[in-house]
Amino acid sequence: MANSRLRLHLATGNPHKVAEFQLLAERTGIDLEFVRAEPMPPVLEDTGTFEGNARKKALALKALLPPTALVLADDSGLCVDALGGAPGVESAYFAGPAGDSAANLAKLVADLRAIPPGQRGAHFVCVLVLIGATDAESGVFFGRCEGSLRLEPAGGAGFGYDPLFIPADRHETYAELGDDIKNTLSHRALAFQQLARRLKLVDR
């Protein structure tokens, strides 16, 4: 990789995701500058897949930038086994079109009450789509973290469904683990590790 700093335009208006990406980048040793979309162009996330939605967001932002710009889009969500994979690609809008995180969390807690503790298996999925000027600067990167759900939220860190999700072989929720631990095992961390390997090949 060249000594110049790589600039990634993030196809998101979510400051929590931007902060998490910055922490993930610091672990890789790649000198990255993240630029949040301001504003992010509206995108109807209607493809039915994480990859399809991420690609739509990346292309929407890419259309507004110079041809050489590197654009990164993320689509991620929580898939609950006993709910047939829901909320899945609708994770951000589980409680309705407003995309209210507190309402989404409350709805999931309500749905979980009918599910016995031993049957609350779930996994987080993250798909990252990178679009650059060439095939070498583009790619799709996938991360998945298996775990289970607790009935009541625990922990003050993280965002979204983090206070309910307990990764496999752990006893704490994402929101209790802290950034140092979470960023070694989370779905987004696993996808970002793959992305980092590709970015190290980008000569800028």
C-alpha atoms as a PDB file:
ATOM      1  CA  MET A   1       0.000   0.000   0.000  1.00  0.00           C
ATOM      2  CA  ALA A   2       1.253   3.485  -0.762  1.00  0.00           C
ATOM      3  CA  ASN A   3       2.109   5.890   2.037  1.00  0.00           C
ATOM      4  CA  SER A   4      -0.715   8.291   1.170  1.00  0.00           C
ATOM      5  CA  ARG A   5      -3.846   8.058   3.270  1.00  0.00           C
ATOM      6  CA  LEU A   6      -6.748   6.170   1.760  1.00  0.00           C
ATOM      7  CA  ARG A   7     -10.033   8.051   1.783  1.00  0.00           C
ATOM      8  CA  LEU A   8     -13.249   6.043   2.028  1.00  0.00           C
ATOM      9  CA  HIS A   9     -16.598   7.696   1.464  1.00  0.00           C
ATOM     10  CA  LEU A  10     -19.122   5.945   3.719  1.00  0.00           C
ATOM     11  CA  ALA A  11     -22.620   5.551   2.339  1.00  0.00           C
ATOM     12  CA  THR A  12     -24.282   6.226   5.672  1.00  0.00           C
ATOM     13  CA  GLY A  13     -25.573   9.083   7.751  1.00  0.00           C
ATOM     14  CA  ASN A  14     -25.289   7.030  10.943  1.00  0.00           C
ATOM     15  CA  PRO A  15     -22.550   8.516  13.179  1.00  0.00           C
ATOM     16  CA  HIS A  16     -22.409   5.325  15.281  1.00  0.00           C
ATOM     17  CA  LYS A  17     -21.362   3.311  12.230  1.00  0.00           C
ATOM     18  CA  VAL A  18     -18.749   5.893  11.282  1.00  0.00           C
ATOM     19  CA  ALA A  19     -17.227   5.727  14.764  1.00  0.00           C
ATOM     20  CA  GLU A  20     -17.209   1.932  14.711  1.00  0.00           C
ATOM     21  CA  PHE A  21     -15.510   1.846  11.316  1.00  0.00           C
ATOM     22  CA  GLN A  22     -12.844   4.236  12.587  1.00  0.00           C
ATOM     23  CA  LEU A  23     -12.087   1.959  15.530  1.00  0.00           C
ATOM     24  CA  LEU A  24     -11.954  -1.075  13.248  1.00  0.00           C
ATOM     25  CA  ALA A  25      -9.540   0.698  10.917  1.00  0.00           C
ATOM     26  CA  GLU A  26      -7.213   1.565  13.784  1.00  0.00           C
ATOM     27  CA  ARG A  27      -6.877  -2.149  14.579  1.00  0.00           C
ATOM     28  CA  THR A  28      -5.785  -2.969  11.008  1.00  0.00           C
ATOM     29  CA  GLY A  29      -2.920  -0.511  10.818  1.00  0.00           C
ATOM     30  CA  ILE A  30      -4.286   0.982   7.593  1.00  0.00           C
ATOM     31  CA  ASP A  31      -4.232   4.781   7.481  1.00  0.00           C
ATOM     32  CA  LEU A  32      -7.829   5.515   6.514  1.00  0.00           C
ATOM     33  CA  GLU A  33      -9.798   8.720   6.357  1.00  0.00           C
ATOM     34  CA  PHE A  34     -13.552   8.169   6.556  1.00  0.00           C
ATOM     35  CA  VAL A  35     -15.862  10.690   4.953  1.00  0.00           C
ATOM     36  CA  ARG A  36     -19.505  10.419   5.978  1.00  0.00           C
ATOM     37  CA  ALA A  37     -22.130  11.153   3.320  1.00  0.00           C
ATOM     38  CA  GLU A  38     -23.566  14.600   4.034  1.00  0.00           C
ATOM     39  CA  PRO A  39     -26.284  14.140   3.151  1.00  0.00           C
ATOM     40  CA  MET A  40     -26.694  10.516   2.174  1.00  0.00           C
ATOM     41  CA  PRO A  41     -28.951  10.369  -0.903  1.00  0.00           C
ATOM     42  CA  PRO A  42     -32.250   8.602  -0.180  1.00  0.00           C
ATOM     43  CA  VAL A  43     -32.196   4.912  -1.095  1.00  0.00           C
ATOM     44  CA  LEU A  44     -35.134   2.526  -1.076  1.00  0.00           C
ATOM     45  CA  GLU A  45     -33.705  -0.635   0.478  1.00  0.00           C
ATOM     46  CA  ASP A  46     -35.994  -3.036  -1.330  1.00  0.00           C
ATOM     47  CA  THR A  47     -33.718  -5.731  -2.763  1.00  0.00           C
ATOM     48  CA  GLY A  48     -34.479  -8.263  -0.041  1.00  0.00           C
ATOM     49  CA  THR A  49     -30.782  -9.018   0.557  1.00  0.00           C
ATOM     50  CA  PHE A  50     -28.022  -7.407   2.592  1.00  0.00           C
ATOM     51  CA  GLU A  51     -25.683  -7.347  -0.396  1.00  0.00           C
ATOM     52  CA  GLY A  52     -28.294  -5.866  -2.705  1.00  0.00           C
ATOM     53  CA  ASN A  53     -29.167  -3.092  -0.275  1.00  0.00           C
ATOM     54  CA  ALA A  54     -25.510  -2.287   0.402  1.00  0.00           C
ATOM     55  CA  ARG A  55     -24.792  -2.110  -3.323  1.00  0.00           C
ATOM     56  CA  LYS A  56     -27.717   0.259  -3.910  1.00  0.00           C
ATOM     57  CA  LYS A  57     -26.414   2.595  -1.213  1.00  0.00           C
ATOM     58  CA  ALA A  58     -22.862   2.471  -2.553  1.00  0.00           C
ATOM     59  CA  LEU A  59     -23.964   3.213  -6.107  1.00  0.00           C
ATOM     60  CA  ALA A  60     -26.225   6.065  -4.992  1.00  0.00           C
ATOM     61  CA  LEU A  61     -23.321   7.815  -3.277  1.00  0.00           C
ATOM     62  CA  LYS A  62     -20.796   6.900  -5.973  1.00  0.00           C
ATOM     63  CA  ALA A  63     -22.932   8.709  -8.567  1.00  0.00           C
ATOM     64  CA  LEU A  64     -22.351  11.981  -6.703  1.00  0.00           C
ATOM     65  CA  LEU A  65     -18.561  11.651  -6.415  1.00  0.00           C
ATOM     66  CA  PRO A  66     -15.549  11.772  -8.757  1.00  0.00           C
ATOM     67  CA  PRO A  67     -14.866   8.536 -10.686  1.00  0.00           C
ATOM     68  CA  THR A  68     -11.746   7.781  -8.636  1.00  0.00           C
ATOM     69  CA  ALA A  69     -13.550   7.958  -5.274  1.00  0.00           C
ATOM     70  CA  LEU A  70     -13.650   4.859  -3.076  1.00  0.00           C
ATOM     71  CA  VAL A  71     -17.142   4.271  -1.696  1.00  0.00           C
ATOM     72  CA  LEU A  72     -17.989   1.839   1.089  1.00  0.00           C
ATOM     73  CA  ALA A  73     -21.521   0.815   2.016  1.00  0.00           C
ATOM     74  CA  ASP A  74     -22.652  -1.412   4.839  1.00  0.00           C
ATOM     75  CA  ASP A  75     -25.879  -3.318   5.254  1.00  0.00           C
ATOM     76  CA  SER A  76     -26.289  -5.346   8.378  1.00  0.00           C
ATOM     77  CA  GLY A  77     -28.932  -6.799  10.611  1.00  0.00           C
ATOM     78  CA  LEU A  78     -30.000  -9.270  13.233  1.00  0.00           C
ATOM     79  CA  CYS A  79     -31.541 -12.578  12.198  1.00  0.00           C
ATOM     80  CA  VAL A  80     -33.508 -14.459  14.869  1.00  0.00           C
ATOM     81  CA  ASP A  81     -33.918 -18.196  14.267  1.00  0.00           C
ATOM     82  CA  ALA A  82     -37.329 -18.529  15.943  1.00  0.00           C
ATOM     83  CA  LEU A  83     -38.660 -15.550  13.981  1.00  0.00           C
ATOM     84  CA  GLY A  84     -37.788 -17.061  10.616  1.00  0.00           C
ATOM     85  CA  GLY A  85     -34.734 -14.841  10.230  1.00  0.00           C
ATOM     86  CA  ALA A  86     -36.535 -11.615  11.113  1.00  0.00           C
ATOM     87  CA  PRO A  87     -35.883  -8.766  11.446  1.00  0.00           C
ATOM     88  CA  GLY A  88     -33.083  -9.482   8.947  1.00  0.00           C
ATOM     89  CA  VAL A  89     -32.828  -6.914   6.176  1.00  0.00           C
ATOM     90  CA  GLU A  90     -35.619  -4.973   7.894  1.00  0.00           C
ATOM     91  CA  SER A  91     -33.627  -4.589  11.120  1.00  0.00           C
ATOM     92  CA  ALA A  92     -33.515  -0.795  10.883  1.00  0.00           C
ATOM     93  CA  TYR A  93     -37.282  -0.583  10.330  1.00  0.00           C
ATOM     94  CA  PHE A  94     -38.545  -3.490  12.428  1.00  0.00           C
ATOM     95  CA  ALA A  95     -41.004  -1.323  14.365  1.00  0.00           C
ATOM     96  CA  GLY A  96     -42.048   0.785  11.375  1.00  0.00           C
ATOM     97  CA  PRO A  97     -40.755   3.134   8.664  1.00  0.00           C
ATOM     98  CA  ALA A  98     -39.471   5.737  11.131  1.00  0.00           C
ATOM     99  CA  GLY A  99     -36.395   3.613  11.855  1.00  0.00           C
ATOM    100  CA  ASP A 100     -36.503   4.313  15.587  1.00  0.00           C
ATOM    101  CA  SER A 101     -33.862   2.215  17.402  1.00  0.00           C
ATOM    102  CA  ALA A 102     -35.645   2.276  20.762  1.00  0.00           C
ATOM    103  CA  ALA A 103     -38.912   1.171  19.169  1.00  0.00           C
ATOM    104  CA  ASN A 104     -37.129  -1.598  17.244  1.00  0.00           C
ATOM    105  CA  LEU A 105     -35.547  -2.873  20.451  1.00  0.00           C
ATOM    106  CA  ALA A 106     -38.856  -2.774  22.322  1.00  0.00           C
ATOM    107  CA  LYS A 107     -40.624  -4.689  19.555  1.00  0.00           C
ATOM    108  CA  LEU A 108     -37.971  -7.401  19.545  1.00  0.00           C
ATOM    109  CA  VAL A 109     -38.174  -7.753  23.340  1.00  0.00           C
ATOM    110  CA  ALA A 110     -41.947  -8.131  23.060  1.00  0.00           C
ATOM    111  CA  ASP A 111     -41.578 -10.802  20.369  1.00  0.00           C
ATOM    112  CA  LEU A 112     -38.972 -12.689  22.396  1.00  0.00           C
ATOM    113  CA  ARG A 113     -41.293 -13.108  25.379  1.00  0.00           C
ATOM    114  CA  ALA A 114     -43.121 -15.889  23.540  1.00  0.00           C
ATOM    115  CA  ILE A 115     -39.855 -17.744  22.803  1.00  0.00           C
ATOM    116  CA  PRO A 116     -38.334 -20.065  25.468  1.00  0.00           C
ATOM    117  CA  PRO A 117     -34.813 -19.027  26.603  1.00  0.00           C
ATOM    118  CA  GLY A 118     -33.164 -22.060  25.010  1.00  0.00           C
ATOM    119  CA  GLN A 119     -34.627 -21.213  21.625  1.00  0.00           C
ATOM    120  CA  ARG A 120     -33.470 -17.609  21.260  1.00  0.00           C
ATOM    121  CA  GLY A 121     -30.625 -18.319  18.875  1.00  0.00           C
ATOM    122  CA  ALA A 122     -29.671 -15.512  16.510  1.00  0.00           C
ATOM    123  CA  HIS A 123     -26.870 -14.160  14.384  1.00  0.00           C
ATOM    124  CA  PHE A 124     -25.727 -10.764  13.184  1.00  0.00           C
ATOM    125  CA  VAL A 125     -24.830 -10.344   9.511  1.00  0.00           C
ATOM    126  CA  CYS A 126     -22.777  -7.601   7.880  1.00  0.00           C
ATOM    127  CA  VAL A 127     -22.134  -7.144   4.173  1.00  0.00           C
ATOM    128  CA  LEU A 128     -19.712  -4.464   2.997  1.00  0.00           C
ATOM    129  CA  VAL A 129     -19.683  -3.351  -0.635  1.00  0.00           C
ATOM    130  CA  LEU A 130     -16.651  -1.415  -1.848  1.00  0.00           C
ATOM    131  CA  ILE A 131     -16.837   0.372  -5.183  1.00  0.00           C
ATOM    132  CA  GLY A 132     -13.825   2.080  -6.702  1.00  0.00           C
ATOM    133  CA  ALA A 133     -12.575   2.934 -10.162  1.00  0.00           C
ATOM    134  CA  THR A 134     -11.361  -0.601 -10.966  1.00  0.00           C
ATOM    135  CA  ASP A 135     -12.169  -4.206 -10.101  1.00  0.00           C
ATOM    136  CA  ALA A 136      -9.109  -4.277  -7.838  1.00  0.00           C
ATOM    137  CA  GLU A 137     -10.641  -1.456  -5.825  1.00  0.00           C
ATOM    138  CA  SER A 138     -14.047  -3.113  -5.554  1.00  0.00           C
ATOM    139  CA  GLY A 139     -15.437  -6.107  -3.726  1.00  0.00           C
ATOM    140  CA  VAL A 140     -18.009  -7.649  -1.405  1.00  0.00           C
ATOM    141  CA  PHE A 141     -17.076  -8.678   2.132  1.00  0.00           C
ATOM    142  CA  PHE A 142     -19.189 -10.759   4.493  1.00  0.00           C
ATOM    143  CA  GLY A 143     -19.192 -11.191   8.266  1.00  0.00           C
ATOM    144  CA  ARG A 144     -21.433 -13.263  10.528  1.00  0.00           C
ATOM    145  CA  CYS A 145     -21.479 -13.607  14.320  1.00  0.00           C
ATOM    146  CA  GLU A 146     -23.495 -16.390  15.944  1.00  0.00           C
ATOM    147  CA  GLY A 147     -25.067 -15.973  19.348  1.00  0.00           C
ATOM    148  CA  SER A 148     -28.273 -15.770  21.332  1.00  0.00           C
ATOM    149  CA  LEU A 149     -30.601 -13.151  22.738  1.00  0.00           C
ATOM    150  CA  ARG A 150     -31.450 -12.184  26.267  1.00  0.00           C
ATOM    151  CA  LEU A 151     -34.915 -10.955  27.166  1.00  0.00           C
ATOM    152  CA  GLU A 152     -33.931  -7.674  28.816  1.00  0.00           C
ATOM    153  CA  PRO A 153     -31.351  -5.204  27.459  1.00  0.00           C
ATOM    154  CA  ALA A 154     -27.989  -5.055  29.238  1.00  0.00           C
ATOM    155  CA  GLY A 155     -25.040  -2.712  28.766  1.00  0.00           C
ATOM    156  CA  GLY A 156     -24.671   0.928  27.868  1.00  0.00           C
ATOM    157  CA  ALA A 157     -22.340   0.724  24.876  1.00  0.00           C
ATOM    158  CA  GLY A 158     -23.091  -0.129  21.257  1.00  0.00           C
ATOM    159  CA  PHE A 159     -26.306   0.709  19.432  1.00  0.00           C
ATOM    160  CA  GLY A 160     -29.341  -0.927  17.865  1.00  0.00           C
ATOM    161  CA  TYR A 161     -29.856  -4.482  19.085  1.00  0.00           C
ATOM    162  CA  ASP A 162     -26.453  -4.675  20.816  1.00  0.00           C
ATOM    163  CA  PRO A 163     -27.927  -4.731  24.376  1.00  0.00           C
ATOM    164  CA  LEU A 164     -29.781  -7.999  23.616  1.00  0.00           C
ATOM    165  CA  PHE A 165     -27.203  -9.973  21.635  1.00  0.00           C
ATOM    166  CA  ILE A 166     -24.755 -12.333  23.370  1.00  0.00           C
ATOM    167  CA  PRO A 167     -22.072 -13.702  21.021  1.00  0.00           C
ATOM    168  CA  ALA A 168     -21.367 -17.431  21.138  1.00  0.00           C
ATOM    169  CA  ASP A 169     -18.951 -18.469  23.901  1.00  0.00           C
ATOM    170  CA  ARG A 170     -19.497 -15.154  25.736  1.00  0.00           C
ATOM    171  CA  HIS A 171     -21.670 -14.191  28.680  1.00  0.00           C
ATOM    172  CA  GLU A 172     -21.906 -10.453  27.942  1.00  0.00           C
ATOM    173  CA  THR A 173     -23.965  -8.651  25.318  1.00  0.00           C
ATOM    174  CA  TYR A 174     -22.350  -6.641  22.545  1.00  0.00           C
ATOM    175  CA  ALA A 175     -23.238  -3.561  24.626  1.00  0.00           C
ATOM    176  CA  GLU A 176     -21.345  -4.912  27.643  1.00  0.00           C
ATOM    177  CA  LEU A 177     -18.197  -6.192  25.935  1.00  0.00           C
ATOM    178  CA  GLY A 178     -16.556  -2.858  25.195  1.00  0.00           C
ATOM    179  CA  ASP A 179     -15.030  -1.793  21.897  1.00  0.00           C
ATOM    180  CA  ASP A 180     -11.719  -3.659  22.297  1.00  0.00           C
ATOM    181  CA  ILE A 181     -13.401  -7.054  22.577  1.00  0.00           C
ATOM    182  CA  LYS A 182     -16.379  -6.398  20.324  1.00  0.00           C
ATOM    183  CA  ASN A 183     -14.130  -5.251  17.492  1.00  0.00           C
ATOM    184  CA  THR A 184     -12.359  -8.617  17.423  1.00  0.00           C
ATOM    185  CA  LEU A 185     -15.449 -10.786  17.005  1.00  0.00           C
ATOM    186  CA  SER A 186     -18.414  -8.779  15.738  1.00  0.00           C
ATOM    187  CA  HIS A 187     -20.029  -9.315  12.346  1.00  0.00           C
ATOM    188  CA  ARG A 188     -18.784  -5.923  11.195  1.00  0.00           C
ATOM    189  CA  ALA A 189     -15.276  -6.634  12.471  1.00  0.00           C
ATOM    190  CA  LEU A 190     -15.120  -9.917  10.549  1.00  0.00           C
ATOM    191  CA  ALA A 191     -16.284  -8.246   7.337  1.00  0.00           C
ATOM    192  CA  PHE A 192     -13.856  -5.373   7.865  1.00  0.00           C
ATOM    193  CA  GLN A 193     -10.921  -7.773   8.262  1.00  0.00           C
ATOM    194  CA  GLN A 194     -11.621  -9.025   4.733  1.00  0.00           C
ATOM    195  CA  LEU A 195     -11.959  -5.452   3.473  1.00  0.00           C
ATOM    196  CA  ALA A 196      -8.647  -4.521   5.081  1.00  0.00           C
ATOM    197  CA  ARG A 197      -6.832  -7.229   3.162  1.00  0.00           C
ATOM    198  CA  ARG A 198      -8.197  -5.782  -0.087  1.00  0.00           C
ATOM    199  CA  LEU A 199      -7.365  -2.191   0.851  1.00  0.00           C
ATOM    200  CA  LYS A 200      -3.749  -3.133   1.542  1.00  0.00           C
ATOM    201  CA  LEU A 201      -3.497  -3.938  -2.171  1.00  0.00           C
ATOM    202  CA  VAL A 202      -4.865  -0.577  -3.264  1.00  0.00           C
ATOM    203  CA  ASP A 203      -2.072   1.649  -4.581  1.00  0.00           C
ATOM    204  CA  ARG A 204      -2.984   5.276  -4.059  1.00  0.00           C
END
